[in-house]
Protein backbone atom coordinates (compact mmCIF):
# COMPACT_ATOMS: atom_id res chain seq x y z
CA MET A 1 4.83 -1.00 -13.56
CA PRO A 2 4.07 -2.67 -10.20
CA THR A 3 7.04 -3.93 -8.26
CA TYR A 4 7.26 -7.31 -6.54
CA THR A 5 8.54 -7.44 -3.00
CA GLU A 6 8.56 -10.13 -0.37
CA THR A 7 7.39 -8.66 2.91
CA PRO A 8 8.38 -10.32 6.18
CA LYS A 9 5.38 -11.02 8.38
CA ALA A 10 5.20 -9.94 12.01
CA LYS A 11 3.47 -13.17 13.03
CA PRO A 12 4.90 -16.00 10.89
CA GLU A 13 2.46 -18.55 12.33
CA THR A 14 -0.50 -16.75 10.70
CA GLY A 15 0.69 -17.22 7.13
CA LYS A 16 3.15 -16.20 4.47
CA TYR A 17 2.64 -13.59 1.78
CA HIS A 18 4.09 -11.59 -1.08
CA ASP A 19 3.16 -7.99 -1.87
CA ILE A 20 2.90 -6.37 -5.29
CA SER A 21 2.88 -2.58 -5.03
CA ILE A 22 0.17 -0.79 -7.03
CA SER A 23 0.77 2.70 -5.60
CA ASP A 24 2.01 4.35 -2.40
CA LYS A 25 -1.31 3.56 -0.75
CA SER A 26 -2.40 0.23 -2.25
CA LEU A 27 -0.98 -3.20 -2.95
CA ILE A 28 -1.97 -6.69 -4.03
CA ARG A 29 -1.19 -9.25 -1.33
CA VAL A 30 -0.91 -12.92 -2.32
CA SER A 31 -1.05 -15.06 0.80
CA LYS A 32 -1.38 -18.53 2.23
CA ASP A 33 -3.43 -18.49 5.43
CA THR A 34 -4.87 -20.93 7.94
CA VAL A 35 -8.13 -20.19 9.76
CA ASN A 36 -9.99 -22.75 11.89
CA GLU A 37 -7.49 -25.41 10.76
CA LYS A 38 -8.32 -24.78 7.06
CA THR A 39 -5.46 -23.61 4.84
CA PHE A 40 -6.24 -21.55 1.73
CA GLY A 41 -4.76 -18.98 -0.63
CA GLN A 42 -5.86 -15.39 -1.08
CA ILE A 43 -5.27 -12.63 -3.59
CA ARG A 44 -6.54 -9.37 -2.11
CA ILE A 45 -6.16 -5.59 -2.46
CA TRP A 46 -4.85 -3.90 0.70
CA THR A 47 -4.91 -0.16 1.37
CA LYS A 48 -2.69 2.01 3.55
CA ILE A 49 -4.44 4.08 6.22
CA GLY A 50 -2.58 6.96 7.83
CA ASP A 51 0.97 8.22 7.41
CA GLY A 52 4.33 7.81 9.09
CA ASP A 53 4.78 5.47 12.04
CA SER A 54 1.02 5.28 12.65
CA ALA A 55 0.28 4.00 9.12
CA LYS A 56 -1.15 0.50 8.77
CA TRP A 57 -2.24 -1.75 5.94
CA ILE A 58 -5.80 -3.11 5.97
CA PRO A 59 -7.46 -5.60 3.61
CA THR A 60 -10.30 -4.46 1.35
CA LYS A 61 -13.24 -6.58 0.20
CA LYS A 62 -11.69 -6.71 -3.28
CA GLY A 63 -10.10 -10.11 -3.64
CA VAL A 64 -10.60 -13.83 -3.72
CA ALA A 65 -9.88 -16.78 -1.44
CA PHE A 66 -9.36 -20.24 -2.94
CA GLY A 67 -8.59 -23.80 -1.96
CA LEU A 68 -4.98 -24.74 -2.54
CA ASP A 69 -6.20 -27.57 -4.78
CA LYS A 70 -7.07 -24.82 -7.33
CA LEU A 71 -3.62 -23.22 -7.26
CA GLU A 72 -2.26 -24.93 -10.39
CA ASP A 73 -5.37 -23.91 -12.37
CA ILE A 74 -5.05 -20.30 -11.18
CA ILE A 75 -1.37 -20.17 -12.11
CA ARG A 76 -2.11 -21.67 -15.54
CA ALA A 77 -4.94 -19.17 -16.15
CA LEU A 78 -2.77 -16.21 -15.13
CA SER A 79 0.01 -17.47 -17.41
CA MET A 80 -2.45 -17.67 -20.29
CA VAL A 81 -3.56 -14.07 -19.69
CA SER A 82 0.06 -13.03 -20.01
CA ILE A 83 0.64 -15.11 -23.14
CA GLU A 84 -2.67 -14.42 -24.87
CA GLY A 85 -2.90 -10.76 -23.96
CA ASP A 86 -6.68 -10.68 -24.47
CA ALA A 87 -9.88 -11.89 -22.83
CA LYS A 88 -10.37 -15.11 -24.81
CA GLU A 89 -11.69 -18.12 -22.93
CA PHE A 90 -8.90 -20.57 -22.16
CA ALA A 91 -8.93 -24.21 -23.21
CA SER A 92 -9.03 -26.58 -20.23
């Protein structure tokens, strides 16, 4: 079962995030970021490269960015997946 942890960010001005561990070398990062004065959310897989003190986390191409105006719809859809437990299409 993945664990949920809040990870402090080295540069707080670049965004806030929460990590969900998948394994020792991969995690799901849910973040709120601002680039070129546009703020958006992301859900992305990150992977750990290296070991020990030289290890670093890098983002993969697996993920999605979304406008914050879609956040309530995303939360509702994820809640329905949990409740329904199958791949049925959700009612709007």
